[in-house]
Amino acid sequence: MAMTDLVFDVTVCLLLVSASIGLVVTADAGADTGLNGDAAVDADGVASSLATSTATVNYSLSPGVDAADPSLLDADDIDARELERTAHGSLAGLLARSTLGAVTVDGVRLTRARDDFRKRAAARVASELPTRGVSVAVSWTPFPGSSVRANDTLGPEPPSSATVHSATLDVPSGFPAAREDAIAASDDGFDAVARLVA
């Protein structure tokens, strides 16, 4: 049975983007899917589908150009064709990459350049997921407690009273794992830390 043929009452996906992306899928254990009265709860299947199903998303950087400060960028001198982009990857990877376009520092967005990518990636992923009760929450921070972060959501949250099953999955974020290098550099003093940061 194809993943898009399954209907879940509540499915929640949580992507944590750092050196890797943690994917948590939850599905309502008592959901009636409407398919002959059977409850089709398969959190593992949803996670697997997000990790293995691929898609292509065409988008434009023009919303970011339009929103840019005119003193930094003259939008009139840019050929619109130069702003067209195509992204291809797993559904989970596309969501993670699109979320990184919403980075904030102390709650202030840094850029709007990927707004169209975020909108189109969310629509593409939503078209591949079960149609009822699907929710995806994407969150990235470079380290715990950081004021630099990116968050995005897709779909409604499940009811707090729902009994859920879950599955987890790690997906690469595209960022190198730098923790070991940072720890080693901190032992070698300020010069080593400065080299690592540079």
N, C-alpha and C. Protein backbone atom coordinates (compact mmCIF):
# COMPACT_ATOMS: atom_id res chain seq x y z
N MET A 1 0.85 -1.18 0.00
CA MET A 1 0.00 0.00 0.00
C MET A 1 0.90 1.24 0.00
N ALA A 2 0.63 2.21 -0.84
CA ALA A 2 1.43 3.42 -0.92
C ALA A 2 1.21 4.27 0.32
N MET A 3 2.26 5.02 0.67
CA MET A 3 2.19 5.86 1.87
C MET A 3 1.04 6.86 1.77
N THR A 4 0.81 7.39 0.57
CA THR A 4 -0.24 8.39 0.43
C THR A 4 -1.63 7.78 0.53
N ASP A 5 -1.75 6.44 0.50
CA ASP A 5 -3.06 5.79 0.64
C ASP A 5 -3.48 5.68 2.10
N LEU A 6 -2.53 5.81 3.03
CA LEU A 6 -2.86 5.69 4.45
C LEU A 6 -3.39 7.01 4.98
N VAL A 7 -4.35 6.93 5.87
CA VAL A 7 -4.89 8.13 6.50
C VAL A 7 -4.74 7.96 8.00
N PHE A 8 -4.07 8.90 8.66
CA PHE A 8 -3.88 8.86 10.11
C PHE A 8 -4.73 9.95 10.74
N ASP A 9 -5.23 9.68 11.93
CA ASP A 9 -5.97 10.70 12.65
C ASP A 9 -5.02 11.78 13.12
N VAL A 10 -3.92 11.38 13.74
CA VAL A 10 -2.96 12.36 14.21
C VAL A 10 -1.56 11.83 13.93
N THR A 11 -0.77 12.61 13.21
CA THR A 11 0.63 12.27 13.00
C THR A 11 1.44 13.53 13.25
N VAL A 12 2.45 13.43 14.07
CA VAL A 12 3.28 14.57 14.38
C VAL A 12 4.71 14.24 14.03
N CYS A 13 5.37 15.14 13.35
CA CYS A 13 6.77 14.94 13.01
C CYS A 13 7.56 16.09 13.62
N LEU A 14 8.66 15.79 14.25
CA LEU A 14 9.51 16.82 14.84
C LEU A 14 10.89 16.66 14.25
N LEU A 15 11.38 17.68 13.57
CA LEU A 15 12.71 17.65 13.00
C LEU A 15 13.60 18.57 13.84
N LEU A 16 14.70 18.05 14.30
CA LEU A 16 15.66 18.86 15.03
C LEU A 16 16.91 18.94 14.17
N VAL A 17 17.23 20.11 13.69
CA VAL A 17 18.33 20.28 12.76
C VAL A 17 19.54 20.80 13.51
N SER A 18 20.60 20.05 13.56
CA SER A 18 21.89 20.52 14.09
C SER A 18 22.92 19.87 13.20
N ALA A 19 23.89 19.14 13.75
CA ALA A 19 24.78 18.37 12.89
C ALA A 19 23.97 17.28 12.21
N SER A 20 22.92 16.84 12.88
CA SER A 20 21.96 15.92 12.26
C SER A 20 20.57 16.38 12.62
N ILE A 21 19.60 15.83 11.94
CA ILE A 21 18.20 16.18 12.17
C ILE A 21 17.54 14.99 12.83
N GLY A 22 16.93 15.20 13.98
CA GLY A 22 16.17 14.14 14.62
C GLY A 22 14.73 14.24 14.17
N LEU A 23 14.19 13.15 13.71
CA LEU A 23 12.82 13.13 13.22
C LEU A 23 12.00 12.25 14.13
N VAL A 24 10.97 12.81 14.75
CA VAL A 24 10.08 12.05 15.62
C VAL A 24 8.70 12.06 14.99
N VAL A 25 8.17 10.90 14.71
CA VAL A 25 6.84 10.78 14.12
C VAL A 25 5.94 10.14 15.16
N THR A 26 4.79 10.74 15.41
CA THR A 26 3.82 10.15 16.33
C THR A 26 2.49 10.00 15.62
N ALA A 27 1.77 8.94 15.94
CA ALA A 27 0.47 8.69 15.32
C ALA A 27 -0.52 8.28 16.40
N ASP A 28 -1.74 8.75 16.29
CA ASP A 28 -2.81 8.46 17.24
C ASP A 28 -3.10 6.96 17.25
N ALA A 29 -2.93 6.33 18.41
CA ALA A 29 -3.10 4.88 18.54
C ALA A 29 -4.54 4.44 18.34
N GLY A 30 -5.50 5.33 18.58
CA GLY A 30 -6.91 4.94 18.47
C GLY A 30 -7.61 5.56 17.29
N ALA A 31 -6.85 5.97 16.29
CA ALA A 31 -7.44 6.68 15.15
C ALA A 31 -8.28 5.76 14.29
N ASP A 32 -9.46 6.24 13.92
CA ASP A 32 -10.29 5.54 12.94
C ASP A 32 -10.05 6.25 11.61
N THR A 33 -9.41 5.58 10.69
CA THR A 33 -9.04 6.20 9.42
C THR A 33 -10.20 6.29 8.46
N GLY A 34 -11.28 5.58 8.74
CA GLY A 34 -12.38 5.56 7.80
C GLY A 34 -12.21 4.50 6.74
N LEU A 35 -11.13 3.74 6.79
CA LEU A 35 -10.88 2.67 5.83
C LEU A 35 -11.38 1.37 6.43
N ASN A 36 -12.63 1.02 6.19
CA ASN A 36 -13.26 -0.19 6.73
C ASN A 36 -13.18 -0.25 8.25
N GLY A 37 -13.15 0.90 8.92
CA GLY A 37 -13.12 0.93 10.37
C GLY A 37 -11.78 0.56 10.97
N ASP A 38 -10.76 0.32 10.16
CA ASP A 38 -9.44 -0.05 10.69
C ASP A 38 -8.64 1.19 11.02
N ALA A 39 -7.91 1.11 12.11
CA ALA A 39 -7.01 2.20 12.47
C ALA A 39 -5.66 1.92 11.83
N ALA A 40 -5.24 2.78 10.93
CA ALA A 40 -3.97 2.60 10.22
C ALA A 40 -2.91 3.47 10.87
N VAL A 41 -2.40 3.03 12.00
CA VAL A 41 -1.40 3.79 12.72
C VAL A 41 -0.04 3.19 12.40
N ASP A 42 0.80 3.95 11.74
CA ASP A 42 2.11 3.46 11.33
C ASP A 42 3.12 4.59 11.37
N ALA A 43 3.53 4.98 12.57
CA ALA A 43 4.50 6.07 12.73
C ALA A 43 5.81 5.73 12.03
N ASP A 44 6.24 4.46 12.09
CA ASP A 44 7.46 4.05 11.40
C ASP A 44 7.33 4.27 9.89
N GLY A 45 6.17 3.97 9.35
CA GLY A 45 5.95 4.16 7.92
C GLY A 45 6.00 5.61 7.51
N VAL A 46 5.44 6.49 8.35
CA VAL A 46 5.48 7.92 8.05
C VAL A 46 6.92 8.42 8.09
N ALA A 47 7.68 8.02 9.11
CA ALA A 47 9.08 8.44 9.22
C ALA A 47 9.88 7.92 8.03
N SER A 48 9.65 6.67 7.67
CA SER A 48 10.34 6.09 6.52
C SER A 48 10.00 6.82 5.23
N SER A 49 8.75 7.17 5.08
CA SER A 49 8.32 7.89 3.88
C SER A 49 8.97 9.27 3.80
N LEU A 50 9.02 9.98 4.92
CA LEU A 50 9.66 11.30 4.93
C LEU A 50 11.15 11.20 4.60
N ALA A 51 11.78 10.13 5.06
CA ALA A 51 13.22 9.97 4.84
C ALA A 51 13.56 9.47 3.44
N THR A 52 12.69 8.68 2.85
CA THR A 52 13.04 8.04 1.58
C THR A 52 12.33 8.60 0.36
N SER A 53 11.18 9.20 0.53
CA SER A 53 10.48 9.79 -0.62
C SER A 53 11.18 11.07 -1.01
N THR A 54 11.42 11.22 -2.30
CA THR A 54 12.10 12.42 -2.77
C THR A 54 11.15 13.30 -3.56
N ALA A 55 11.51 14.55 -3.66
CA ALA A 55 10.70 15.52 -4.39
C ALA A 55 11.59 16.62 -4.93
N THR A 56 11.09 17.32 -5.91
CA THR A 56 11.77 18.48 -6.48
C THR A 56 10.89 19.69 -6.23
N VAL A 57 11.51 20.77 -5.78
CA VAL A 57 10.79 22.01 -5.49
C VAL A 57 11.44 23.13 -6.29
N ASN A 58 10.64 23.80 -7.11
CA ASN A 58 11.10 24.99 -7.83
C ASN A 58 10.65 26.21 -7.05
N TYR A 59 11.55 27.17 -6.88
CA TYR A 59 11.21 28.35 -6.09
C TYR A 59 12.02 29.55 -6.57
N SER A 60 11.72 30.70 -6.01
CA SER A 60 12.38 31.94 -6.38
C SER A 60 12.91 32.65 -5.14
N LEU A 61 14.03 33.33 -5.31
CA LEU A 61 14.59 34.15 -4.22
C LEU A 61 14.01 35.57 -4.25
N SER A 62 13.11 35.86 -5.18
CA SER A 62 12.60 37.22 -5.32
C SER A 62 11.92 37.78 -4.07
N PRO A 63 11.21 36.98 -3.24
CA PRO A 63 10.65 37.58 -2.02
C PRO A 63 11.74 38.17 -1.11
N GLY A 64 12.89 37.54 -1.07
CA GLY A 64 13.99 38.06 -0.26
C GLY A 64 14.56 39.33 -0.85
N VAL A 65 14.65 39.38 -2.18
CA VAL A 65 15.14 40.58 -2.85
C VAL A 65 14.16 41.72 -2.63
N ASP A 66 12.88 41.44 -2.77
CA ASP A 66 11.85 42.47 -2.57
C ASP A 66 11.85 43.01 -1.14
N ALA A 67 12.14 42.14 -0.17
CA ALA A 67 12.11 42.55 1.24
C ALA A 67 13.43 43.16 1.71
N ALA A 68 14.47 43.08 0.88
CA ALA A 68 15.79 43.57 1.29
C ALA A 68 15.80 45.09 1.39
N ASP A 69 16.64 45.58 2.26
CA ASP A 69 16.84 47.01 2.43
C ASP A 69 17.41 47.58 1.12
N PRO A 70 16.75 48.58 0.53
CA PRO A 70 17.23 49.14 -0.75
C PRO A 70 18.66 49.68 -0.68
N SER A 71 19.12 50.06 0.50
CA SER A 71 20.49 50.55 0.61
C SER A 71 21.50 49.41 0.49
N LEU A 72 21.04 48.17 0.66
CA LEU A 72 21.92 47.01 0.56
C LEU A 72 21.84 46.34 -0.80
N LEU A 73 20.69 46.45 -1.47
CA LEU A 73 20.47 45.71 -2.70
C LEU A 73 19.53 46.48 -3.60
N ASP A 74 19.95 46.72 -4.84
CA ASP A 74 19.11 47.40 -5.82
C ASP A 74 18.38 46.34 -6.63
N ALA A 75 17.13 46.09 -6.30
CA ALA A 75 16.34 45.03 -6.93
C ALA A 75 16.11 45.29 -8.42
N ASP A 76 16.17 46.53 -8.85
CA ASP A 76 15.93 46.85 -10.26
C ASP A 76 17.05 46.34 -11.17
N ASP A 77 18.23 46.13 -10.63
CA ASP A 77 19.37 45.67 -11.42
C ASP A 77 19.48 44.15 -11.50
N ILE A 78 18.51 43.43 -10.96
CA ILE A 78 18.59 41.97 -10.91
C ILE A 78 17.64 41.36 -11.93
N ASP A 79 18.19 40.47 -12.75
CA ASP A 79 17.39 39.73 -13.72
C ASP A 79 16.62 38.65 -12.96
N ALA A 80 15.31 38.62 -13.10
CA ALA A 80 14.46 37.67 -12.35
C ALA A 80 14.88 36.23 -12.59
N ARG A 81 15.41 35.93 -13.78
CA ARG A 81 15.84 34.55 -14.07
C ARG A 81 17.00 34.11 -13.17
N GLU A 82 17.79 35.06 -12.69
CA GLU A 82 18.90 34.74 -11.80
C GLU A 82 18.42 34.32 -10.41
N LEU A 83 17.17 34.58 -10.11
CA LEU A 83 16.62 34.28 -8.79
C LEU A 83 15.88 32.95 -8.73
N GLU A 84 15.72 32.29 -9.86
CA GLU A 84 15.01 31.01 -9.90
C GLU A 84 15.92 29.88 -9.43
N ARG A 85 15.39 28.99 -8.59
CA ARG A 85 16.16 27.88 -8.02
C ARG A 85 15.35 26.60 -8.07
N THR A 86 16.06 25.47 -7.98
CA THR A 86 15.45 24.15 -7.89
C THR A 86 16.15 23.38 -6.78
N ALA A 87 15.39 22.77 -5.90
CA ALA A 87 15.94 21.93 -4.82
C ALA A 87 15.36 20.53 -4.99
N HIS A 88 16.20 19.53 -4.76
CA HIS A 88 15.75 18.14 -4.84
C HIS A 88 16.30 17.40 -3.63
N GLY A 89 15.49 16.57 -3.03
CA GLY A 89 15.95 15.77 -1.90
C GLY A 89 14.81 15.02 -1.26
N SER A 90 15.12 14.39 -0.13
CA SER A 90 14.07 13.69 0.61
C SER A 90 13.11 14.72 1.18
N LEU A 91 11.90 14.28 1.49
CA LEU A 91 10.92 15.20 2.08
C LEU A 91 11.44 15.79 3.38
N ALA A 92 12.06 14.95 4.22
CA ALA A 92 12.63 15.43 5.48
C ALA A 92 13.75 16.42 5.22
N GLY A 93 14.60 16.13 4.25
CA GLY A 93 15.70 17.03 3.91
C GLY A 93 15.22 18.36 3.38
N LEU A 94 14.18 18.35 2.55
CA LEU A 94 13.63 19.60 2.04
C LEU A 94 13.05 20.46 3.16
N LEU A 95 12.34 19.82 4.10
CA LEU A 95 11.81 20.58 5.24
C LEU A 95 12.92 21.17 6.09
N ALA A 96 13.96 20.39 6.32
CA ALA A 96 15.09 20.88 7.12
C ALA A 96 15.76 22.06 6.44
N ARG A 97 16.04 21.93 5.14
CA ARG A 97 16.70 23.02 4.41
C ARG A 97 15.83 24.26 4.35
N SER A 98 14.54 24.08 4.15
CA SER A 98 13.66 25.24 4.08
C SER A 98 13.57 25.95 5.43
N THR A 99 13.61 25.19 6.50
CA THR A 99 13.55 25.79 7.84
C THR A 99 14.78 26.64 8.12
N LEU A 100 15.93 26.22 7.61
CA LEU A 100 17.14 27.01 7.81
C LEU A 100 17.05 28.38 7.14
N GLY A 101 16.09 28.56 6.26
CA GLY A 101 15.85 29.87 5.66
C GLY A 101 15.07 30.80 6.57
N ALA A 102 14.70 30.33 7.75
CA ALA A 102 13.93 31.13 8.70
C ALA A 102 14.72 31.39 9.98
N VAL A 103 16.04 31.48 9.87
CA VAL A 103 16.88 31.68 11.06
C VAL A 103 16.57 33.03 11.71
N THR A 104 16.47 33.01 13.04
CA THR A 104 16.28 34.23 13.82
C THR A 104 17.39 34.35 14.85
N VAL A 105 17.68 35.59 15.23
CA VAL A 105 18.58 35.87 16.35
C VAL A 105 17.76 36.68 17.33
N ASP A 106 17.58 36.15 18.52
CA ASP A 106 16.72 36.78 19.54
C ASP A 106 15.34 37.10 18.97
N GLY A 107 14.81 36.20 18.15
CA GLY A 107 13.47 36.34 17.60
C GLY A 107 13.34 37.22 16.37
N VAL A 108 14.44 37.78 15.87
CA VAL A 108 14.41 38.65 14.70
C VAL A 108 14.89 37.88 13.48
N ARG A 109 14.04 37.78 12.44
CA ARG A 109 14.41 37.07 11.20
C ARG A 109 15.59 37.75 10.53
N LEU A 110 16.55 36.96 10.04
CA LEU A 110 17.72 37.50 9.37
C LEU A 110 17.46 37.81 7.90
N THR A 111 16.65 37.00 7.25
CA THR A 111 16.40 37.18 5.82
C THR A 111 15.05 36.59 5.44
N ARG A 112 14.54 37.04 4.33
CA ARG A 112 13.31 36.48 3.76
C ARG A 112 13.59 35.81 2.42
N ALA A 113 14.86 35.61 2.11
CA ALA A 113 15.26 35.07 0.81
C ALA A 113 14.66 33.70 0.51
N ARG A 114 14.42 32.90 1.52
CA ARG A 114 13.90 31.55 1.28
C ARG A 114 12.41 31.41 1.61
N ASP A 115 11.69 32.50 1.71
CA ASP A 115 10.26 32.42 2.01
C ASP A 115 9.50 31.60 0.97
N ASP A 116 9.81 31.80 -0.32
CA ASP A 116 9.13 31.04 -1.36
C ASP A 116 9.49 29.56 -1.27
N PHE A 117 10.76 29.27 -0.98
CA PHE A 117 11.18 27.87 -0.81
C PHE A 117 10.44 27.23 0.35
N ARG A 118 10.32 27.94 1.48
CA ARG A 118 9.61 27.41 2.65
C ARG A 118 8.16 27.09 2.29
N LYS A 119 7.49 28.01 1.60
CA LYS A 119 6.09 27.82 1.23
C LYS A 119 5.93 26.64 0.27
N ARG A 120 6.78 26.57 -0.74
CA ARG A 120 6.65 25.51 -1.75
C ARG A 120 7.09 24.15 -1.21
N ALA A 121 8.13 24.12 -0.36
CA ALA A 121 8.55 22.84 0.24
C ALA A 121 7.45 22.31 1.15
N ALA A 122 6.84 23.19 1.94
CA ALA A 122 5.75 22.77 2.83
C ALA A 122 4.58 22.22 2.02
N ALA A 123 4.23 22.88 0.94
CA ALA A 123 3.12 22.41 0.10
C ALA A 123 3.45 21.06 -0.54
N ARG A 124 4.69 20.90 -0.98
CA ARG A 124 5.09 19.63 -1.61
C ARG A 124 5.06 18.49 -0.61
N VAL A 125 5.60 18.72 0.59
CA VAL A 125 5.59 17.68 1.62
C VAL A 125 4.16 17.36 2.03
N ALA A 126 3.34 18.38 2.23
CA ALA A 126 1.94 18.16 2.62
C ALA A 126 1.20 17.32 1.58
N SER A 127 1.55 17.49 0.31
CA SER A 127 0.87 16.72 -0.75
C SER A 127 1.24 15.24 -0.71
N GLU A 128 2.32 14.90 -0.04
CA GLU A 128 2.78 13.51 0.02
C GLU A 128 2.40 12.80 1.32
N LEU A 129 1.93 13.54 2.31
CA LEU A 129 1.59 12.96 3.61
C LEU A 129 0.12 12.57 3.66
N PRO A 130 -0.24 11.73 4.64
CA PRO A 130 -1.65 11.41 4.84
C PRO A 130 -2.45 12.70 5.00
N THR A 131 -3.69 12.68 4.56
CA THR A 131 -4.46 13.91 4.46
C THR A 131 -5.08 14.38 5.76
N ARG A 132 -5.20 13.53 6.77
CA ARG A 132 -5.90 13.91 8.00
C ARG A 132 -4.97 13.97 9.19
N GLY A 133 -4.97 15.09 9.91
CA GLY A 133 -4.30 15.20 11.19
C GLY A 133 -2.79 15.13 11.16
N VAL A 134 -2.17 15.54 10.08
CA VAL A 134 -0.71 15.48 9.99
C VAL A 134 -0.12 16.80 10.47
N SER A 135 0.89 16.71 11.31
CA SER A 135 1.58 17.90 11.80
C SER A 135 3.08 17.67 11.77
N VAL A 136 3.80 18.66 11.29
CA VAL A 136 5.25 18.61 11.25
C VAL A 136 5.77 19.86 11.94
N ALA A 137 6.63 19.70 12.92
CA ALA A 137 7.28 20.84 13.57
C ALA A 137 8.77 20.69 13.35
N VAL A 138 9.39 21.73 12.83
CA VAL A 138 10.81 21.70 12.51
C VAL A 138 11.51 22.75 13.38
N SER A 139 12.59 22.35 14.03
CA SER A 139 13.30 23.27 14.91
C SER A 139 14.80 23.04 14.80
N TRP A 140 15.57 24.11 14.72
CA TRP A 140 17.03 24.03 14.66
C TRP A 140 17.65 25.04 15.61
N THR A 141 18.64 24.64 16.34
CA THR A 141 19.51 25.52 17.11
C THR A 141 20.92 24.97 16.98
N PRO A 142 21.93 25.84 16.89
CA PRO A 142 23.30 25.34 16.77
C PRO A 142 23.78 24.63 18.04
N PHE A 143 23.22 25.02 19.18
CA PHE A 143 23.54 24.37 20.45
C PHE A 143 22.42 24.69 21.43
N PRO A 144 22.24 23.85 22.46
CA PRO A 144 21.16 24.08 23.42
C PRO A 144 21.24 25.46 24.07
N GLY A 145 20.11 26.13 24.16
CA GLY A 145 20.04 27.44 24.80
C GLY A 145 20.45 28.60 23.91
N SER A 146 20.77 28.35 22.66
CA SER A 146 21.21 29.40 21.75
C SER A 146 20.06 30.34 21.42
N SER A 147 20.37 31.63 21.24
CA SER A 147 19.36 32.60 20.81
C SER A 147 19.24 32.59 19.28
N VAL A 148 20.13 31.87 18.61
CA VAL A 148 20.06 31.67 17.17
C VAL A 148 19.25 30.39 16.94
N ARG A 149 18.19 30.49 16.16
CA ARG A 149 17.34 29.31 15.95
C ARG A 149 16.50 29.47 14.69
N ALA A 150 15.91 28.38 14.27
CA ALA A 150 14.97 28.39 13.15
C ALA A 150 13.85 27.42 13.48
N ASN A 151 12.62 27.85 13.27
CA ASN A 151 11.45 27.01 13.55
C ASN A 151 10.46 27.13 12.41
N ASP A 152 9.76 26.06 12.14
CA ASP A 152 8.70 26.08 11.15
C ASP A 152 7.71 24.98 11.51
N THR A 153 6.48 25.11 11.07
CA THR A 153 5.46 24.09 11.33
C THR A 153 4.67 23.82 10.06
N LEU A 154 4.12 22.63 10.01
CA LEU A 154 3.27 22.21 8.89
C LEU A 154 2.13 21.40 9.48
N GLY A 155 0.91 21.87 9.33
CA GLY A 155 -0.25 21.14 9.82
C GLY A 155 -0.60 21.47 11.27
N PRO A 156 -1.76 20.97 11.72
CA PRO A 156 -2.23 21.24 13.09
C PRO A 156 -1.55 20.35 14.12
N GLU A 157 -1.50 20.83 15.36
CA GLU A 157 -0.98 20.00 16.46
C GLU A 157 -2.03 18.95 16.83
N PRO A 158 -1.56 17.79 17.32
CA PRO A 158 -2.53 16.77 17.74
C PRO A 158 -3.20 17.19 19.05
N PRO A 159 -4.38 16.67 19.32
CA PRO A 159 -5.03 16.97 20.60
C PRO A 159 -4.17 16.45 21.75
N SER A 160 -4.14 17.17 22.85
CA SER A 160 -3.32 16.76 23.99
C SER A 160 -3.82 15.46 24.60
N SER A 161 -5.07 15.10 24.35
CA SER A 161 -5.62 13.87 24.92
C SER A 161 -5.35 12.64 24.06
N ALA A 162 -4.74 12.81 22.89
CA ALA A 162 -4.51 11.68 21.99
C ALA A 162 -3.41 10.76 22.52
N THR A 163 -3.63 9.46 22.40
CA THR A 163 -2.60 8.47 22.68
C THR A 163 -1.83 8.28 21.39
N VAL A 164 -0.51 8.41 21.45
CA VAL A 164 0.28 8.38 20.22
C VAL A 164 1.38 7.32 20.28
N HIS A 165 1.78 6.87 19.11
CA HIS A 165 2.95 6.02 18.94
C HIS A 165 3.98 6.87 18.22
N SER A 166 5.27 6.57 18.41
CA SER A 166 6.28 7.40 17.76
C SER A 166 7.39 6.59 17.13
N ALA A 167 8.09 7.21 16.22
CA ALA A 167 9.26 6.65 15.57
C ALA A 167 10.26 7.78 15.40
N THR A 168 11.54 7.47 15.45
CA THR A 168 12.56 8.51 15.30
C THR A 168 13.49 8.19 14.14
N LEU A 169 14.14 9.22 13.63
CA LEU A 169 15.00 9.11 12.48
C LEU A 169 15.99 10.27 12.50
N ASP A 170 17.25 10.02 12.17
CA ASP A 170 18.25 11.10 12.05
C ASP A 170 18.50 11.38 10.58
N VAL A 171 18.56 12.68 10.24
CA VAL A 171 18.79 13.12 8.87
C VAL A 171 19.92 14.15 8.91
N PRO A 172 20.91 14.07 8.01
CA PRO A 172 21.99 15.07 8.00
C PRO A 172 21.44 16.47 7.74
N SER A 173 22.01 17.46 8.41
CA SER A 173 21.56 18.83 8.23
C SER A 173 22.39 19.58 7.20
N GLY A 174 23.56 19.06 6.88
CA GLY A 174 24.45 19.79 5.99
C GLY A 174 25.50 20.57 6.75
N PHE A 175 25.36 20.66 8.07
CA PHE A 175 26.36 21.32 8.89
C PHE A 175 27.35 20.29 9.42
N PRO A 176 28.64 20.63 9.46
CA PRO A 176 29.60 19.68 10.02
C PRO A 176 29.43 19.57 11.53
N ALA A 177 29.70 18.39 12.05
CA ALA A 177 29.69 18.21 13.50
C ALA A 177 30.99 18.80 14.04
N ALA A 178 30.90 19.91 14.74
CA ALA A 178 32.09 20.63 15.17
C ALA A 178 32.35 20.53 16.67
N ARG A 179 31.54 19.78 17.39
CA ARG A 179 31.69 19.73 18.84
C ARG A 179 33.07 19.26 19.28
N GLU A 180 33.57 18.17 18.68
CA GLU A 180 34.87 17.65 19.09
C GLU A 180 35.98 18.66 18.79
N ASP A 181 35.91 19.32 17.61
CA ASP A 181 36.90 20.34 17.27
C ASP A 181 36.84 21.51 18.25
N ALA A 182 35.64 21.90 18.65
CA ALA A 182 35.49 23.02 19.59
C ALA A 182 36.06 22.67 20.95
N ILE A 183 35.80 21.45 21.41
CA ILE A 183 36.33 21.03 22.71
C ILE A 183 37.85 20.99 22.67
N ALA A 184 38.41 20.43 21.60
CA ALA A 184 39.87 20.37 21.47
C ALA A 184 40.47 21.76 21.39
N ALA A 185 39.83 22.67 20.65
CA ALA A 185 40.34 24.03 20.52
C ALA A 185 40.29 24.77 21.85
N SER A 186 39.27 24.52 22.66
CA SER A 186 39.18 25.21 23.95
C SER A 186 40.32 24.81 24.88
N ASP A 187 40.84 23.62 24.70
CA ASP A 187 41.99 23.18 25.50
C ASP A 187 43.28 23.85 25.07
N ASP A 188 43.32 24.37 23.83
CA ASP A 188 44.55 24.97 23.29
C ASP A 188 44.56 26.49 23.38
N GLY A 189 43.59 27.09 24.03
CA GLY A 189 43.61 28.53 24.25
C GLY A 189 42.85 29.33 23.20
N PHE A 190 42.95 30.67 23.34
CA PHE A 190 42.18 31.58 22.50
C PHE A 190 42.55 31.50 21.02
N ASP A 191 43.84 31.33 20.70
CA ASP A 191 44.25 31.27 19.29
C ASP A 191 43.59 30.09 18.58
N ALA A 192 43.54 28.94 19.23
CA ALA A 192 42.93 27.75 18.63
C ALA A 192 41.43 27.95 18.43
N VAL A 193 40.77 28.58 19.41
CA VAL A 193 39.34 28.85 19.28
C VAL A 193 39.10 29.83 18.13
N ALA A 194 39.92 30.87 18.02
CA ALA A 194 39.78 31.85 16.95
C ALA A 194 39.96 31.20 15.58
N ARG A 195 40.92 30.29 15.45
CA ARG A 195 41.13 29.59 14.17
C ARG A 195 39.90 28.75 13.82
N LEU A 196 39.34 28.09 14.80
CA LEU A 196 38.17 27.24 14.57
C LEU A 196 36.97 28.08 14.13
N VAL A 197 36.75 29.20 14.79
CA VAL A 197 35.62 30.07 14.46
C VAL A 197 35.80 30.69 13.08
N ALA A 198 37.03 31.07 12.75
CA ALA A 198 37.32 31.68 11.43
C ALA A 198 37.10 30.66 10.36
